[in-house]
Amino acid sequence: MSKIPDYVPAHGLLSGKSVLVTAAAGAGIGYATARRCAEEGCRALLISDIHARRLEDAVARLKHETGLPRIYGRLADVTNEAQVQALVEEAEERLEGTDVLVNNAGLGGSRRVVEMSDEEWHKVLDVTLTGTFRMTRAMLKKMQPRGRGAIVNNASVLGWRAQKEQAHYAAAKAGVMALTRCAALEAAEHGVRINAVAPSIAFHDFLRKTAPAELLEQLAAREAFGRAAEVWEIANVIVFLASDYASYLVGEVVSASSQHP
């Protein structure tokens, strides 16, 4: 197993920009992305989540860790259109226009197809795929008239790879990839960029609570580095896609994995 690299210093990639990150109050990629955005110089940041206490704690922790005073939180469920609209409206007001949207909300689980209920199938797709669609639709209505903006979707290498008990999640993430490509062509006509990152496996507390340790170690061992990604390594790719360094990338799905799809 290769050594985990040192945390990469900030380079001002998002200097002066405003950012909205969904599902960012946990200990996973969303929180790491929010922190990285603040470190990379964004002028204001709004994060959403469905857990009030966790959201409040995350906002306080981000302010303490990064020193950015303009960090806000809002409860929002991406399966609820009214809450999506309210989140986007608050972001527009508090951030004085949203430059970057990171669609991080997603829901997984493990279930064989023959044992999967309609409810389980629909819930995963509603959060992971339709939630991304709802947020993208709402934000494009704000970004396109301004003629600028960037949206980064969190997909997964399971959108390409096959894995047992992941049919619902893999189908949702494959849908996120297709949504990214198609929406990107439409948005590009208005100067807005849409791209996605496709992580393989990144260890964090929530994942460890919801998946067997043996399975996680097996998946990590398959990677070329012999380890899972750190959540901040995935966040770095998201920040790059959101930044002006990715100004000519449209509809791309970047595999953040050391194993080929």
C-alpha atoms as a PDB file:
ATOM      1  CA  MET A   1       0.000   0.000   0.000  1.00  0.00           C
ATOM      2  CA  SER A   2       1.362   3.403  -0.957  1.00  0.00           C
ATOM      3  CA  LYS A   3       1.763   6.177   1.580  1.00  0.00           C
ATOM      4  CA  ILE A   4      -1.057   8.691   1.920  1.00  0.00           C
ATOM      5  CA  PRO A   5       0.251  11.992   0.508  1.00  0.00           C
ATOM      6  CA  ASP A   6       0.474  15.171   2.498  1.00  0.00           C
ATOM      7  CA  TYR A   7      -2.522  17.497   2.396  1.00  0.00           C
ATOM      8  CA  VAL A   8      -2.084  19.791  -0.592  1.00  0.00           C
ATOM      9  CA  PRO A   9      -1.681  23.521   0.209  1.00  0.00           C
ATOM     10  CA  ALA A  10      -4.250  25.908  -1.234  1.00  0.00           C
ATOM     11  CA  HIS A  11      -3.505  27.774  -4.459  1.00  0.00           C
ATOM     12  CA  GLY A  12      -6.426  30.217  -4.634  1.00  0.00           C
ATOM     13  CA  LEU A  13      -8.267  28.244  -7.301  1.00  0.00           C
ATOM     14  CA  LEU A  14     -11.668  29.635  -6.287  1.00  0.00           C
ATOM     15  CA  SER A  15     -10.557  33.123  -5.304  1.00  0.00           C
ATOM     16  CA  GLY A  16     -13.524  35.494  -5.251  1.00  0.00           C
ATOM     17  CA  LYS A  17     -16.125  32.874  -6.174  1.00  0.00           C
ATOM     18  CA  SER A  18     -19.222  31.803  -4.251  1.00  0.00           C
ATOM     19  CA  VAL A  19     -20.078  28.136  -3.716  1.00  0.00           C
ATOM     20  CA  LEU A  20     -23.096  26.005  -2.802  1.00  0.00           C
ATOM     21  CA  VAL A  21     -22.448  22.390  -1.758  1.00  0.00           C
ATOM     22  CA  THR A  22     -25.296  19.963  -1.076  1.00  0.00           C
ATOM     23  CA  ALA A  23     -25.085  17.207   1.558  1.00  0.00           C
ATOM     24  CA  ALA A  24     -21.947  18.782   3.002  1.00  0.00           C
ATOM     25  CA  ALA A  25     -22.473  18.487   6.748  1.00  0.00           C
ATOM     26  CA  GLY A  26     -21.281  14.912   7.176  1.00  0.00           C
ATOM     27  CA  ALA A  27     -17.773  13.535   7.372  1.00  0.00           C
ATOM     28  CA  GLY A  28     -17.472  12.570   3.728  1.00  0.00           C
ATOM     29  CA  ILE A  29     -16.648  14.080   0.357  1.00  0.00           C
ATOM     30  CA  GLY A  30     -19.193  16.888   0.766  1.00  0.00           C
ATOM     31  CA  TYR A  31     -17.644  18.309   3.904  1.00  0.00           C
ATOM     32  CA  ALA A  32     -14.125  17.876   2.520  1.00  0.00           C
ATOM     33  CA  THR A  33     -15.201  19.753  -0.607  1.00  0.00           C
ATOM     34  CA  ALA A  34     -16.754  22.593   1.375  1.00  0.00           C
ATOM     35  CA  ARG A  35     -13.583  22.947   3.416  1.00  0.00           C
ATOM     36  CA  ARG A  36     -11.398  22.844   0.306  1.00  0.00           C
ATOM     37  CA  CYS A  37     -13.524  25.524  -1.380  1.00  0.00           C
ATOM     38  CA  ALA A  38     -13.089  27.820   1.612  1.00  0.00           C
ATOM     39  CA  GLU A  39      -9.354  27.151   1.697  1.00  0.00           C
ATOM     40  CA  GLU A  40      -9.105  27.850  -2.023  1.00  0.00           C
ATOM     41  CA  GLY A  41     -10.360  31.402  -1.513  1.00  0.00           C
ATOM     42  CA  CYS A  42     -14.094  31.386  -2.171  1.00  0.00           C
ATOM     43  CA  ARG A  43     -15.696  34.597  -0.925  1.00  0.00           C
ATOM     44  CA  ALA A  44     -18.786  32.898   0.512  1.00  0.00           C
ATOM     45  CA  LEU A  45     -20.025  29.360   1.027  1.00  0.00           C
ATOM     46  CA  LEU A  46     -23.421  27.803   1.688  1.00  0.00           C
ATOM     47  CA  ILE A  47     -23.816  24.134   2.606  1.00  0.00           C
ATOM     48  CA  SER A  48     -26.988  22.093   2.901  1.00  0.00           C
ATOM     49  CA  ASP A  49     -27.920  18.893   4.678  1.00  0.00           C
ATOM     50  CA  ILE A  50     -30.996  17.117   6.042  1.00  0.00           C
ATOM     51  CA  HIS A  51     -29.753  16.894   9.653  1.00  0.00           C
ATOM     52  CA  ALA A  52     -30.115  20.138  11.635  1.00  0.00           C
ATOM     53  CA  ARG A  53     -27.592  19.495  14.404  1.00  0.00           C
ATOM     54  CA  ARG A  54     -25.000  18.089  12.024  1.00  0.00           C
ATOM     55  CA  LEU A  55     -25.445  21.082   9.745  1.00  0.00           C
ATOM     56  CA  GLU A  56     -25.035  23.579  12.567  1.00  0.00           C
ATOM     57  CA  ASP A  57     -21.905  21.816  13.798  1.00  0.00           C
ATOM     58  CA  ALA A  58     -20.450  21.666  10.290  1.00  0.00           C
ATOM     59  CA  VAL A  59     -20.886  25.398   9.709  1.00  0.00           C
ATOM     60  CA  ALA A  60     -19.171  26.190  13.024  1.00  0.00           C
ATOM     61  CA  ARG A  61     -16.363  23.741  12.315  1.00  0.00           C
ATOM     62  CA  LEU A  62     -15.766  25.086   8.808  1.00  0.00           C
ATOM     63  CA  LYS A  63     -15.551  28.655  10.101  1.00  0.00           C
ATOM     64  CA  HIS A  64     -13.075  27.577  12.756  1.00  0.00           C
ATOM     65  CA  GLU A  65     -10.929  25.480  10.408  1.00  0.00           C
ATOM     66  CA  THR A  66     -10.785  27.897   7.483  1.00  0.00           C
ATOM     67  CA  GLY A  67     -11.298  31.369   8.968  1.00  0.00           C
ATOM     68  CA  LEU A  68     -13.897  32.199   6.320  1.00  0.00           C
ATOM     69  CA  PRO A  69     -16.633  34.239   8.040  1.00  0.00           C
ATOM     70  CA  ARG A  70     -19.275  33.976   5.316  1.00  0.00           C
ATOM     71  CA  ILE A  71     -20.284  30.337   5.694  1.00  0.00           C
ATOM     72  CA  TYR A  72     -23.975  29.541   5.900  1.00  0.00           C
ATOM     73  CA  GLY A  73     -26.096  26.429   6.299  1.00  0.00           C
ATOM     74  CA  ARG A  74     -29.617  25.523   5.234  1.00  0.00           C
ATOM     75  CA  LEU A  75     -31.677  22.402   5.781  1.00  0.00           C
ATOM     76  CA  ALA A  76     -32.726  20.972   2.428  1.00  0.00           C
ATOM     77  CA  ASP A  77     -33.953  17.661   1.064  1.00  0.00           C
ATOM     78  CA  VAL A  78     -33.151  17.333  -2.642  1.00  0.00           C
ATOM     79  CA  THR A  79     -36.136  15.012  -3.110  1.00  0.00           C
ATOM     80  CA  ASN A  80     -38.436  17.925  -2.292  1.00  0.00           C
ATOM     81  CA  GLU A  81     -38.829  20.466  -5.104  1.00  0.00           C
ATOM     82  CA  ALA A  82     -40.020  23.245  -2.792  1.00  0.00           C
ATOM     83  CA  GLN A  83     -36.962  22.797  -0.573  1.00  0.00           C
ATOM     84  CA  VAL A  84     -34.679  22.765  -3.626  1.00  0.00           C
ATOM     85  CA  GLN A  85     -36.168  26.053  -4.807  1.00  0.00           C
ATOM     86  CA  ALA A  86     -35.807  27.583  -1.345  1.00  0.00           C
ATOM     87  CA  LEU A  87     -32.183  26.444  -1.108  1.00  0.00           C
ATOM     88  CA  VAL A  88     -31.270  27.964  -4.462  1.00  0.00           C
ATOM     89  CA  GLU A  89     -33.054  31.207  -3.631  1.00  0.00           C
ATOM     90  CA  GLU A  90     -31.238  31.504  -0.306  1.00  0.00           C
ATOM     91  CA  ALA A  91     -27.919  30.758  -1.990  1.00  0.00           C
ATOM     92  CA  GLU A  92     -28.557  33.471  -4.542  1.00  0.00           C
ATOM     93  CA  GLU A  93     -29.344  35.983  -1.810  1.00  0.00           C
ATOM     94  CA  ARG A  94     -26.670  35.123   0.752  1.00  0.00           C
ATOM     95  CA  LEU A  95     -23.908  34.508  -1.771  1.00  0.00           C
ATOM     96  CA  GLU A  96     -24.902  37.471  -3.942  1.00  0.00           C
ATOM     97  CA  GLY A  97     -25.129  35.128  -6.900  1.00  0.00           C
ATOM     98  CA  THR A  98     -23.896  31.547  -6.994  1.00  0.00           C
ATOM     99  CA  ASP A  99     -20.781  30.890  -9.068  1.00  0.00           C
ATOM    100  CA  VAL A 100     -20.356  27.180  -8.267  1.00  0.00           C
ATOM    101  CA  LEU A 101     -22.807  24.391  -7.424  1.00  0.00           C
ATOM    102  CA  VAL A 102     -21.503  21.045  -6.193  1.00  0.00           C
ATOM    103  CA  ASN A 103     -24.170  18.346  -6.343  1.00  0.00           C
ATOM    104  CA  ASN A 104     -22.993  15.933  -3.688  1.00  0.00           C
ATOM    105  CA  ALA A 105     -26.270  14.521  -2.323  1.00  0.00           C
ATOM    106  CA  GLY A 106     -26.542  10.785  -2.850  1.00  0.00           C
ATOM    107  CA  LEU A 107     -27.859   7.632  -1.220  1.00  0.00           C
ATOM    108  CA  GLY A 108     -26.493   4.116  -1.410  1.00  0.00           C
ATOM    109  CA  GLY A 109     -27.178   0.732   0.109  1.00  0.00           C
ATOM    110  CA  SER A 110     -26.586  -2.940  -0.563  1.00  0.00           C
ATOM    111  CA  ARG A 111     -29.319  -5.238  -1.860  1.00  0.00           C
ATOM    112  CA  ARG A 112     -29.573  -7.975  -4.451  1.00  0.00           C
ATOM    113  CA  VAL A 113     -31.974  -7.241  -7.290  1.00  0.00           C
ATOM    114  CA  VAL A 114     -34.306 -10.140  -6.438  1.00  0.00           C
ATOM    115  CA  GLU A 115     -34.616  -8.835  -2.865  1.00  0.00           C
ATOM    116  CA  MET A 116     -34.928  -5.130  -3.709  1.00  0.00           C
ATOM    117  CA  SER A 117     -38.276  -3.416  -3.215  1.00  0.00           C
ATOM    118  CA  ASP A 118     -39.658  -0.701  -5.458  1.00  0.00           C
ATOM    119  CA  GLU A 119     -39.349   1.663  -2.509  1.00  0.00           C
ATOM    120  CA  GLU A 120     -35.605   0.979  -2.100  1.00  0.00           C
ATOM    121  CA  TRP A 121     -35.019   1.404  -5.838  1.00  0.00           C
ATOM    122  CA  HIS A 122     -36.969   4.648  -6.093  1.00  0.00           C
ATOM    123  CA  LYS A 123     -35.455   6.174  -2.952  1.00  0.00           C
ATOM    124  CA  VAL A 124     -31.865   5.736  -4.169  1.00  0.00           C
ATOM    125  CA  LEU A 125     -32.701   7.108  -7.610  1.00  0.00           C
ATOM    126  CA  ASP A 126     -34.740   9.994  -6.208  1.00  0.00           C
ATOM    127  CA  VAL A 127     -31.917  11.268  -3.995  1.00  0.00           C
ATOM    128  CA  THR A 128     -28.950  10.435  -6.199  1.00  0.00           C
ATOM    129  CA  LEU A 129     -30.171  11.060  -9.739  1.00  0.00           C
ATOM    130  CA  THR A 130     -33.402  13.045  -9.587  1.00  0.00           C
ATOM    131  CA  GLY A 131     -32.052  15.200  -6.763  1.00  0.00           C
ATOM    132  CA  THR A 132     -29.080  16.114  -8.939  1.00  0.00           C
ATOM    133  CA  PHE A 133     -31.477  16.918 -11.778  1.00  0.00           C
ATOM    134  CA  ARG A 134     -33.652  19.124  -9.549  1.00  0.00           C
ATOM    135  CA  MET A 135     -30.687  21.105  -8.251  1.00  0.00           C
ATOM    136  CA  THR A 136     -29.188  21.472 -11.723  1.00  0.00           C
ATOM    137  CA  ARG A 137     -32.461  22.648 -13.237  1.00  0.00           C
ATOM    138  CA  ALA A 138     -33.016  25.226 -10.505  1.00  0.00           C
ATOM    139  CA  MET A 139     -29.479  26.569 -10.607  1.00  0.00           C
ATOM    140  CA  LEU A 140     -29.255  26.767 -14.387  1.00  0.00           C
ATOM    141  CA  LYS A 141     -32.198  29.165 -14.304  1.00  0.00           C
ATOM    142  CA  LYS A 142     -29.982  31.494 -12.260  1.00  0.00           C
ATOM    143  CA  MET A 143     -26.619  30.886 -13.906  1.00  0.00           C
ATOM    144  CA  GLN A 144     -27.624  30.919 -17.571  1.00  0.00           C
ATOM    145  CA  PRO A 145     -28.986  34.505 -17.626  1.00  0.00           C
ATOM    146  CA  ARG A 146     -25.677  35.646 -16.051  1.00  0.00           C
ATOM    147  CA  GLY A 147     -23.709  33.808 -18.731  1.00  0.00           C
ATOM    148  CA  ARG A 148     -21.361  32.091 -16.312  1.00  0.00           C
ATOM    149  CA  GLY A 149     -21.109  29.442 -13.609  1.00  0.00           C
ATOM    150  CA  ALA A 150     -19.899  25.914 -12.964  1.00  0.00           C
ATOM    151  CA  ILE A 151     -21.726  22.821 -11.756  1.00  0.00           C
ATOM    152  CA  VAL A 152     -19.860  19.743 -10.557  1.00  0.00           C
ATOM    153  CA  ASN A 153     -21.736  16.493  -9.986  1.00  0.00           C
ATOM    154  CA  ASN A 154     -20.547  13.676  -7.749  1.00  0.00           C
ATOM    155  CA  ALA A 155     -20.905  10.465  -9.768  1.00  0.00           C
ATOM    156  CA  SER A 156     -19.135   7.151  -9.106  1.00  0.00           C
ATOM    157  CA  VAL A 157     -17.041   4.607 -10.958  1.00  0.00           C
ATOM    158  CA  LEU A 158     -19.976   2.255 -10.347  1.00  0.00           C
ATOM    159  CA  GLY A 159     -21.603   4.126 -13.205  1.00  0.00           C
ATOM    160  CA  TRP A 160     -19.110   2.151 -15.327  1.00  0.00           C
ATOM    161  CA  ARG A 161     -18.253  -0.901 -13.249  1.00  0.00           C
ATOM    162  CA  ALA A 162     -20.397  -3.805 -12.151  1.00  0.00           C
ATOM    163  CA  GLN A 163     -20.688  -4.760  -8.494  1.00  0.00           C
ATOM    164  CA  LYS A 164     -23.074  -7.115  -6.757  1.00  0.00           C
ATOM    165  CA  GLU A 165     -25.841  -5.601  -4.629  1.00  0.00           C
ATOM    166  CA  GLN A 166     -25.328  -2.150  -6.171  1.00  0.00           C
ATOM    167  CA  ALA A 167     -27.784  -2.164  -9.084  1.00  0.00           C
ATOM    168  CA  HIS A 168     -29.839   0.779  -7.784  1.00  0.00           C
ATOM    169  CA  TYR A 169     -26.832   2.922  -6.855  1.00  0.00           C
ATOM    170  CA  ALA A 170     -24.917   2.073 -10.045  1.00  0.00           C
ATOM    171  CA  ALA A 171     -27.957   2.848 -12.195  1.00  0.00           C
ATOM    172  CA  ALA A 172     -28.395   6.188 -10.421  1.00  0.00           C
ATOM    173  CA  LYS A 173     -24.739   7.145 -10.839  1.00  0.00           C
ATOM    174  CA  ALA A 174     -24.729   6.097 -14.497  1.00  0.00           C
ATOM    175  CA  GLY A 175     -27.720   8.389 -14.844  1.00  0.00           C
ATOM    176  CA  VAL A 176     -25.782  11.227 -13.205  1.00  0.00           C
ATOM    177  CA  MET A 177     -23.064  10.746 -15.816  1.00  0.00           C
ATOM    178  CA  ALA A 178     -25.568  10.860 -18.690  1.00  0.00           C
ATOM    179  CA  LEU A 179     -27.333  13.862 -17.156  1.00  0.00           C
ATOM    180  CA  THR A 180     -23.967  15.617 -16.843  1.00  0.00           C
ATOM    181  CA  ARG A 181     -23.097  15.085 -20.498  1.00  0.00           C
ATOM    182  CA  CYS A 182     -26.491  16.096 -21.898  1.00  0.00           C
ATOM    183  CA  ALA A 183     -27.118  19.076 -19.617  1.00  0.00           C
ATOM    184  CA  ALA A 184     -23.570  20.291 -20.245  1.00  0.00           C
ATOM    185  CA  LEU A 185     -24.204  20.725 -23.966  1.00  0.00           C
ATOM    186  CA  GLU A 186     -27.277  22.835 -23.243  1.00  0.00           C
ATOM    187  CA  ALA A 187     -25.602  24.888 -20.519  1.00  0.00           C
ATOM    188  CA  ALA A 188     -22.488  25.552 -22.600  1.00  0.00           C
ATOM    189  CA  GLU A 189     -24.606  27.648 -24.981  1.00  0.00           C
ATOM    190  CA  HIS A 190     -25.014  30.066 -22.053  1.00  0.00           C
ATOM    191  CA  GLY A 191     -21.430  30.034 -20.765  1.00  0.00           C
ATOM    192  CA  VAL A 192     -22.089  27.566 -17.920  1.00  0.00           C
ATOM    193  CA  ARG A 193     -19.906  24.483 -17.466  1.00  0.00           C
ATOM    194  CA  ILE A 194     -21.158  21.149 -16.097  1.00  0.00           C
ATOM    195  CA  ASN A 195     -18.780  18.285 -15.318  1.00  0.00           C
ATOM    196  CA  ALA A 196     -18.604  15.371 -12.902  1.00  0.00           C
ATOM    197  CA  VAL A 197     -16.143  13.434 -10.793  1.00  0.00           C
ATOM    198  CA  ALA A 198     -16.389   9.657 -10.472  1.00  0.00           C
ATOM    199  CA  PRO A 199     -14.661   8.452  -7.294  1.00  0.00           C
ATOM    200  CA  SER A 200     -13.979   4.795  -6.692  1.00  0.00           C
ATOM    201  CA  ILE A 201     -13.718   4.429  -2.941  1.00  0.00           C
ATOM    202  CA  ALA A 202     -12.936   7.060  -0.338  1.00  0.00           C
ATOM    203  CA  PHE A 203     -13.024   6.110   3.325  1.00  0.00           C
ATOM    204  CA  HIS A 204     -14.964   8.245   5.797  1.00  0.00           C
ATOM    205  CA  ASP A 205     -16.925   7.649   8.979  1.00  0.00           C
ATOM    206  CA  PHE A 206     -20.355   7.337   7.366  1.00  0.00           C
ATOM    207  CA  LEU A 207     -19.141   4.763   4.835  1.00  0.00           C
ATOM    208  CA  ARG A 208     -17.521   2.712   7.574  1.00  0.00           C
ATOM    209  CA  LYS A 209     -20.838   2.650   9.441  1.00  0.00           C
ATOM    210  CA  THR A 210     -22.879   1.505   6.448  1.00  0.00           C
ATOM    211  CA  ALA A 211     -20.626  -1.045   4.729  1.00  0.00           C
ATOM    212  CA  PRO A 212     -18.870  -4.182   6.012  1.00  0.00           C
ATOM    213  CA  ALA A 213     -15.230  -3.543   6.892  1.00  0.00           C
ATOM    214  CA  GLU A 214     -14.120  -6.641   4.998  1.00  0.00           C
ATOM    215  CA  LEU A 215     -15.779  -5.442   1.785  1.00  0.00           C
ATOM    216  CA  LEU A 216     -14.244  -1.983   2.103  1.00  0.00           C
ATOM    217  CA  GLU A 217     -10.769  -3.414   2.536  1.00  0.00           C
ATOM    218  CA  GLN A 218     -11.254  -5.684  -0.484  1.00  0.00           C
ATOM    219  CA  LEU A 219     -12.315  -2.762  -2.649  1.00  0.00           C
ATOM    220  CA  ALA A 220      -9.434  -0.599  -1.455  1.00  0.00           C
ATOM    221  CA  ALA A 221      -6.922  -3.371  -2.120  1.00  0.00           C
ATOM    222  CA  ARG A 222      -7.959  -3.476  -5.793  1.00  0.00           C
ATOM    223  CA  GLU A 223      -6.832   0.094  -6.352  1.00  0.00           C
ATOM    224  CA  ALA A 224      -3.427   0.632  -7.940  1.00  0.00           C
ATOM    225  CA  PHE A 225      -2.156   2.391  -4.822  1.00  0.00           C
ATOM    226  CA  GLY A 226      -3.510  -0.405  -2.645  1.00  0.00           C
ATOM    227  CA  ARG A 227      -5.578   2.050  -0.620  1.00  0.00           C
ATOM    228  CA  ALA A 228      -8.799   4.026  -0.704  1.00  0.00           C
ATOM    229  CA  ALA A 229      -8.731   7.701  -1.573  1.00  0.00           C
ATOM    230  CA  GLU A 230      -8.727  10.308   1.134  1.00  0.00           C
ATOM    231  CA  VAL A 231     -11.893  12.418   0.912  1.00  0.00           C
ATOM    232  CA  TRP A 232      -9.807  15.548   0.350  1.00  0.00           C
ATOM    233  CA  GLU A 233      -8.200  13.916  -2.711  1.00  0.00           C
ATOM    234  CA  ILE A 234     -11.636  13.707  -4.302  1.00  0.00           C
ATOM    235  CA  ALA A 235     -12.416  17.253  -3.147  1.00  0.00           C
ATOM    236  CA  ASN A 236      -9.301  18.471  -4.961  1.00  0.00           C
ATOM    237  CA  VAL A 237     -10.664  17.136  -8.266  1.00  0.00           C
ATOM    238  CA  ILE A 238     -14.041  18.765  -7.620  1.00  0.00           C
ATOM    239  CA  VAL A 239     -12.377  22.113  -6.899  1.00  0.00           C
ATOM    240  CA  PHE A 240     -10.330  21.824 -10.094  1.00  0.00           C
ATOM    241  CA  LEU A 241     -13.473  21.173 -12.152  1.00  0.00           C
ATOM    242  CA  ALA A 242     -15.168  24.146 -10.493  1.00  0.00           C
ATOM    243  CA  SER A 243     -12.220  26.442 -11.122  1.00  0.00           C
ATOM    244  CA  ASP A 244     -11.209  28.457 -14.166  1.00  0.00           C
ATOM    245  CA  TYR A 245      -8.401  25.944 -14.744  1.00  0.00           C
ATOM    246  CA  ALA A 246     -11.119  23.686 -16.195  1.00  0.00           C
ATOM    247  CA  SER A 247     -12.544  26.407 -18.439  1.00  0.00           C
ATOM    248  CA  TYR A 248     -12.587  24.176 -21.550  1.00  0.00           C
ATOM    249  CA  LEU A 249     -13.972  21.031 -19.936  1.00  0.00           C
ATOM    250  CA  VAL A 250     -17.610  20.423 -20.832  1.00  0.00           C
ATOM    251  CA  GLY A 251     -19.609  17.318 -19.957  1.00  0.00           C
ATOM    252  CA  GLU A 252     -16.565  15.415 -18.747  1.00  0.00           C
ATOM    253  CA  VAL A 253     -16.698  12.659 -16.126  1.00  0.00           C
ATOM    254  CA  VAL A 254     -13.290  12.502 -14.462  1.00  0.00           C
ATOM    255  CA  SER A 255     -12.461   9.143 -12.910  1.00  0.00           C
ATOM    256  CA  ALA A 256     -10.854   9.793  -9.515  1.00  0.00           C
ATOM    257  CA  SER A 257      -9.567   6.273  -9.184  1.00  0.00           C
ATOM    258  CA  SER A 258      -6.261   4.486  -9.462  1.00  0.00           C
ATOM    259  CA  GLN A 259      -8.052   1.563 -11.134  1.00  0.00           C
ATOM    260  CA  HIS A 260      -9.343   1.742 -14.673  1.00  0.00           C
ATOM    261  CA  PRO A 261     -13.156   1.750 -15.064  1.00  0.00           C
END
